[in-house]
């Protein structure tokens, strides 16, 4: 099977970059054309050519990204285990303080709780004092400087801070593995037939690229292929707005999405601060090959 990466020539025209050296990439958009049907016998060839033409091995990048995310999750769980009390222990501390409060034995920051043992929290100021009991035996006491209500608040605050730090690290990891493009457009004009395995492959490609914030758009989908996509619930997974009539419609959709974030869109020789043309898209009733705006 043959496949090509398409580039922009003139308004609305997109051709093979290998055959037309003047064809250029749309910023943040990759356009891929597979010039064969997509079915069980050539699925592997489709995936290999797809990776080659977009220049991004999504499966490898996802594996590396998930390994780093798992490492962050593991560190978070270990930190929580080592530095915080369990919910049962926290409840025990709250109940003890509430009992002391009801009995009028509330503690200030400058007062001490003397304890002969038990678990002690890492963020509590500990010291020891030696006393002699009535029988003359020397006893070592732990002195805990603590404000009972502040202690519980700080325990919960530390968990929130650690959670925020974990989410921040995970977001940084995902940004690191995000490719330089945001959209991949698959030109389906040569595809007259696609079987169940072919559709499952498209769905998996869509899901994998979505993990790294890349959206897959299909265009020039023939009516028979469109019906097959419907039967396999492709639109329910990817969304109806990911299928467009022409390559240019799909490109405009990508540009409008970026423009909606306030970005300035640049095509060769032209600036698009806003794209006002509504995209054409298929509807569920288009079984006869007709399309509507």
Protein backbone atom coordinates (compact mmCIF):
# COMPACT_ATOMS: atom_id res chain seq x y z
CA UNK A 1 0.00 0.00 0.00
CA UNK A 2 1.02 3.56 -0.67
CA UNK A 3 0.54 6.47 1.71
CA UNK A 4 1.49 10.12 1.63
CA UNK A 5 1.78 13.19 3.82
CA UNK A 6 -0.14 16.07 2.28
CA UNK A 7 0.80 19.75 2.27
CA UNK A 8 -0.88 23.04 1.46
CA UNK A 9 -0.45 24.36 -2.09
CA UNK A 10 -3.06 27.05 -2.76
CA UNK A 11 -6.40 27.91 -1.22
CA UNK A 12 -8.20 24.64 -0.65
CA UNK A 13 -5.64 22.44 -2.44
CA UNK A 14 -3.60 19.82 -0.61
CA UNK A 15 -1.19 17.48 -2.40
CA UNK A 16 1.58 14.96 -1.76
CA UNK A 17 4.60 16.78 -0.33
CA UNK A 18 6.88 14.29 -2.04
CA UNK A 19 5.46 15.04 -5.48
CA UNK A 20 5.03 18.78 -4.87
CA UNK A 21 8.05 20.28 -3.10
CA UNK A 22 6.22 23.61 -2.74
CA UNK A 23 3.51 21.99 -0.61
CA UNK A 24 3.96 23.04 3.01
CA UNK A 25 2.58 21.88 6.35
CA UNK A 26 -0.29 23.69 8.04
CA UNK A 27 1.04 24.79 11.46
CA UNK A 28 0.15 22.22 14.17
CA UNK A 29 -1.63 20.01 11.62
CA UNK A 30 -0.57 16.74 9.97
CA UNK A 31 -2.47 15.44 6.92
CA UNK A 32 -2.23 11.74 6.05
CA UNK A 33 -3.65 9.86 3.05
CA UNK A 34 -3.74 6.06 2.85
CA UNK A 35 -4.31 5.05 -0.77
CA UNK A 36 -5.84 1.65 -0.14
CA UNK A 37 -8.78 0.04 1.64
CA UNK A 38 -8.33 -0.50 5.37
CA UNK A 39 -8.99 -4.11 6.39
CA UNK A 40 -7.43 -6.99 8.32
CA UNK A 41 -4.80 -7.84 5.66
CA UNK A 42 -3.10 -4.44 5.64
CA UNK A 43 -3.71 -3.10 9.16
CA UNK A 44 -0.03 -3.43 10.06
CA UNK A 45 1.01 -1.60 6.90
CA UNK A 46 -1.52 1.15 7.65
CA UNK A 47 -0.16 1.67 11.17
CA UNK A 48 3.48 1.67 10.04
CA UNK A 49 2.83 4.18 7.25
CA UNK A 50 0.75 6.32 9.58
CA UNK A 51 3.60 6.52 12.11
CA UNK A 52 6.14 7.23 9.35
CA UNK A 53 4.16 10.07 7.79
CA UNK A 54 3.17 11.88 10.99
CA UNK A 55 6.63 11.33 12.52
CA UNK A 56 5.33 10.31 15.94
CA UNK A 57 5.25 6.85 17.56
CA UNK A 58 2.31 7.36 19.88
CA UNK A 59 2.43 3.89 21.46
CA UNK A 60 6.07 4.29 22.52
CA UNK A 61 5.46 7.80 23.84
CA UNK A 62 2.41 6.68 25.80
CA UNK A 63 4.37 3.82 27.37
CA UNK A 64 7.14 6.16 28.51
CA UNK A 65 4.65 8.77 29.70
CA UNK A 66 2.62 6.23 31.69
CA UNK A 67 5.78 4.88 33.32
CA UNK A 68 6.65 8.38 34.58
CA UNK A 69 3.07 9.02 35.73
CA UNK A 70 3.07 5.69 37.59
CA UNK A 71 6.32 6.68 39.28
CA UNK A 72 4.77 9.95 40.49
CA UNK A 73 1.70 8.08 41.76
CA UNK A 74 3.93 5.63 43.61
CA UNK A 75 5.93 8.44 45.23
CA UNK A 76 2.70 10.14 46.30
CA UNK A 77 1.36 7.00 47.96
CA UNK A 78 4.67 6.37 49.73
CA UNK A 79 4.82 9.96 51.00
CA UNK A 80 1.27 9.75 52.34
CA UNK A 81 2.03 6.43 54.01
CA UNK A 82 5.21 7.71 55.66
CA UNK A 83 4.19 11.21 56.72
CA UNK A 84 0.46 11.16 57.52
CA UNK A 85 -1.88 9.29 59.78
CA UNK A 86 -4.56 6.96 58.56
CA UNK A 87 -8.15 8.14 58.66
CA UNK A 88 -8.74 6.00 61.74
CA UNK A 89 -5.83 7.64 63.56
CA UNK A 90 -7.01 11.11 62.51
CA UNK A 91 -10.47 10.32 63.85
CA UNK A 92 -8.95 9.13 67.12
CA UNK A 93 -7.06 12.41 67.51
CA UNK A 94 -10.18 14.44 66.76
CA UNK A 95 -12.22 12.46 69.28
CA UNK A 96 -9.54 12.93 71.94
CA UNK A 97 -9.41 16.67 71.39
CA UNK A 98 -13.21 16.95 71.37
CA UNK A 99 -13.36 15.07 74.67
CA UNK A 100 -10.74 17.34 76.19
CA UNK A 101 -12.64 20.37 74.92
CA UNK A 102 -15.90 19.17 76.49
CA UNK A 103 -14.13 18.57 79.79
CA UNK A 104 -12.67 22.05 79.78
CA UNK A 105 -9.13 20.75 79.25
CA UNK A 106 -8.40 22.63 76.04
CA UNK A 107 -4.76 23.20 75.21
CA UNK A 108 -2.98 26.31 73.97
CA UNK A 109 0.14 26.43 71.82
CA UNK A 110 2.25 26.85 74.93
CA UNK A 111 0.76 23.93 76.86
CA UNK A 112 2.04 20.35 76.80
CA UNK A 113 0.53 16.92 76.49
CA UNK A 114 2.58 14.35 78.38
CA UNK A 115 2.45 10.93 76.86
CA UNK A 116 4.24 7.72 77.79
CA UNK A 117 4.08 6.26 74.28
CA UNK A 118 1.82 5.95 71.30
CA UNK A 119 2.38 7.16 67.76
CA UNK A 120 3.60 10.71 67.20
CA UNK A 121 3.13 12.79 64.06
CA UNK A 122 6.14 14.02 62.09
CA UNK A 123 5.10 17.66 62.15
CA UNK A 124 4.72 17.81 65.95
CA UNK A 125 7.54 19.35 68.00
CA UNK A 126 8.89 16.56 70.24
CA UNK A 127 11.11 16.72 73.25
CA UNK A 128 11.73 14.59 76.33
CA UNK A 129 11.70 15.28 80.04
CA UNK A 130 12.91 13.06 82.87
CA UNK A 131 10.79 12.80 86.03
CA UNK A 132 10.83 10.63 89.16
CA UNK A 133 7.57 9.00 90.17
CA UNK A 134 6.38 8.30 93.72
CA UNK A 135 8.25 5.00 93.90
CA UNK A 136 11.49 6.72 92.94
CA UNK A 137 11.60 5.25 89.44
CA UNK A 138 12.98 7.45 86.65
CA UNK A 139 10.50 7.92 83.82
CA UNK A 140 11.10 9.43 80.33
CA UNK A 141 8.14 11.48 79.03
CA UNK A 142 7.56 12.78 75.51
CA UNK A 143 6.48 16.42 75.40
CA UNK A 144 4.22 17.33 72.51
CA UNK A 145 3.83 21.01 71.65
CA UNK A 146 0.53 21.12 69.81
CA UNK A 147 -2.64 23.04 69.14
CA UNK A 148 -5.25 20.30 68.78
CA UNK A 149 -7.46 21.95 66.17
CA UNK A 150 -4.56 23.37 64.17
CA UNK A 151 -2.98 19.92 64.11
CA UNK A 152 -5.96 18.30 62.40
CA UNK A 153 -6.28 21.20 59.93
CA UNK A 154 -2.60 20.93 59.02
CA UNK A 155 -2.91 17.17 58.51
CA UNK A 156 -5.70 17.72 55.98
CA UNK A 157 -3.87 20.68 54.40
CA UNK A 158 -0.71 18.61 53.86
CA UNK A 159 -2.73 15.98 52.01
CA UNK A 160 -4.25 18.66 49.75
CA UNK A 161 -0.84 20.18 49.05
CA UNK A 162 0.65 16.81 48.17
CA UNK A 163 -2.30 16.07 45.88
CA UNK A 164 -1.85 19.41 44.08
CA UNK A 165 1.88 18.79 43.73
CA UNK A 166 1.19 15.34 42.26
CA UNK A 167 -1.27 16.74 39.70
CA UNK A 168 1.22 19.46 38.76
CA UNK A 169 3.96 16.89 38.12
CA UNK A 170 1.62 14.71 36.04
CA UNK A 171 0.57 17.72 33.94
CA UNK A 172 4.24 18.57 33.31
CA UNK A 173 4.94 14.99 32.24
CA UNK A 174 2.04 15.02 29.77
CA UNK A 175 3.21 18.32 28.29
CA UNK A 176 6.67 16.86 27.81
CA UNK A 177 5.32 14.00 25.69
CA UNK A 178 2.89 16.10 23.66
CA UNK A 179 3.99 16.33 19.98
CA UNK A 180 4.46 19.60 18.09
CA UNK A 181 1.10 19.20 16.32
CA UNK A 182 -2.46 19.24 17.71
CA UNK A 183 -4.43 17.71 14.84
CA UNK A 184 -4.04 14.74 12.49
CA UNK A 185 -6.30 14.73 9.43
CA UNK A 186 -6.81 11.40 7.67
CA UNK A 187 -7.92 11.77 4.05
CA UNK A 188 -10.18 8.78 3.40
CA UNK A 189 -10.95 9.55 -0.28
CA UNK A 190 -9.14 6.43 -1.61
CA UNK A 191 -10.80 4.15 0.97
CA UNK A 192 -13.76 2.31 -0.57
CA UNK A 193 -14.02 -0.34 2.14
CA UNK A 194 -13.11 -0.65 5.81
CA UNK A 195 -13.78 -3.71 7.96
CA UNK A 196 -14.23 -4.14 11.70
CA UNK A 197 -10.50 -4.43 12.39
CA UNK A 198 -9.85 -1.28 10.37
CA UNK A 199 -12.41 0.69 12.37
CA UNK A 200 -11.06 -0.65 15.67
CA UNK A 201 -7.62 0.54 14.56
CA UNK A 202 -8.96 4.03 13.83
CA UNK A 203 -10.67 4.10 17.24
CA UNK A 204 -7.46 3.05 18.99
CA UNK A 205 -5.45 5.67 17.10
CA UNK A 206 -8.00 8.30 18.12
CA UNK A 207 -7.85 7.28 21.81
CA UNK A 208 -4.04 7.04 21.91
CA UNK A 209 -3.50 10.45 20.32
CA UNK A 210 -6.16 11.97 22.57
CA UNK A 211 -3.98 10.96 25.53
CA UNK A 212 -1.32 13.39 24.27
CA UNK A 213 -3.85 16.12 23.38
CA UNK A 214 -3.96 15.42 19.64
CA UNK A 215 -7.31 15.24 17.83
CA UNK A 216 -7.84 12.93 14.84
CA UNK A 217 -10.14 14.23 12.07
CA UNK A 218 -11.47 12.17 9.15
CA UNK A 219 -12.42 13.74 5.84
CA UNK A 220 -13.69 12.77 2.37
CA UNK A 221 -15.30 9.67 3.84
CA UNK A 222 -17.25 7.71 1.24
CA UNK A 223 -20.92 6.91 2.08
CA UNK A 224 -20.34 3.16 2.48
CA UNK A 225 -17.38 3.75 4.80
CA UNK A 226 -19.39 6.34 6.71
CA UNK A 227 -22.19 3.81 7.33
CA UNK A 228 -19.64 1.25 8.52
CA UNK A 229 -18.23 3.81 10.96
CA UNK A 230 -21.75 4.42 12.25
CA UNK A 231 -22.37 0.72 12.81
CA UNK A 232 -19.18 0.46 14.88
CA UNK A 233 -20.12 3.57 16.92
CA UNK A 234 -17.06 5.52 15.81
CA UNK A 235 -18.94 8.82 16.06
CA UNK A 236 -20.06 8.04 19.61
CA UNK A 237 -16.41 7.75 20.64
CA UNK A 238 -14.74 10.44 18.53
CA UNK A 239 -17.68 12.81 18.07
CA UNK A 240 -19.57 13.84 14.95
CA UNK A 241 -17.49 17.00 14.60
CA UNK A 242 -14.38 14.90 13.84
CA UNK A 243 -15.69 13.92 10.37
CA UNK A 244 -15.61 16.51 7.57
CA UNK A 245 -16.45 16.63 3.88
CA UNK A 246 -13.15 17.91 2.47
CA UNK A 247 -9.58 18.31 3.65
CA UNK A 248 -10.04 22.06 3.69
CA UNK A 249 -13.11 21.74 5.93
CA UNK A 250 -11.08 19.68 8.40
CA UNK A 251 -8.25 22.23 8.27
CA UNK A 252 -10.70 25.06 8.89
CA UNK A 253 -12.08 23.18 11.88
CA UNK A 254 -8.57 22.87 13.31
CA UNK A 255 -7.85 26.54 12.67
CA UNK A 256 -11.14 27.64 14.22
CA UNK A 257 -10.39 25.58 17.32
CA UNK A 258 -7.05 27.31 17.72
CA UNK A 259 -8.54 30.73 16.91
CA UNK A 260 -11.14 30.21 19.66
CA UNK A 261 -8.24 30.15 22.14
CA UNK A 262 -7.09 33.55 20.93
CA UNK A 263 -4.20 32.24 18.82
CA UNK A 264 -3.22 33.91 15.54
CA UNK A 265 -3.44 31.40 12.71
CA UNK A 266 -0.80 31.64 10.02
CA UNK A 267 -1.02 30.03 6.59
CA UNK A 268 1.66 30.61 3.94
CA UNK A 269 1.32 34.26 2.98
CA UNK A 270 -1.89 34.79 4.97
CA UNK A 271 -2.83 35.53 8.58
CA UNK A 272 -6.06 34.14 9.99
CA UNK A 273 -6.77 35.84 13.32
CA UNK A 274 -10.30 34.44 13.02
CA UNK A 275 -11.88 31.88 10.72
CA UNK A 276 -15.50 32.76 10.09
CA UNK A 277 -16.43 29.98 7.65
CA UNK A 278 -18.67 27.32 9.13
CA UNK A 279 -17.49 23.76 8.54
CA UNK A 280 -19.45 21.27 6.50
CA UNK A 281 -20.13 18.03 8.29
CA UNK A 282 -22.01 14.80 7.75
CA UNK A 283 -25.33 14.13 9.41
CA UNK A 284 -26.86 10.82 10.47
CA UNK A 285 -29.33 10.91 7.57
CA UNK A 286 -26.69 11.15 4.85
CA UNK A 287 -26.92 7.53 3.72
CA UNK A 288 -27.35 8.42 0.07
CA UNK A 289 -24.02 10.17 -0.18
CA UNK A 290 -25.46 13.69 0.10
CA UNK A 291 -24.11 16.08 2.68
CA UNK A 292 -25.59 19.05 4.43
CA UNK A 293 -24.21 22.23 5.88
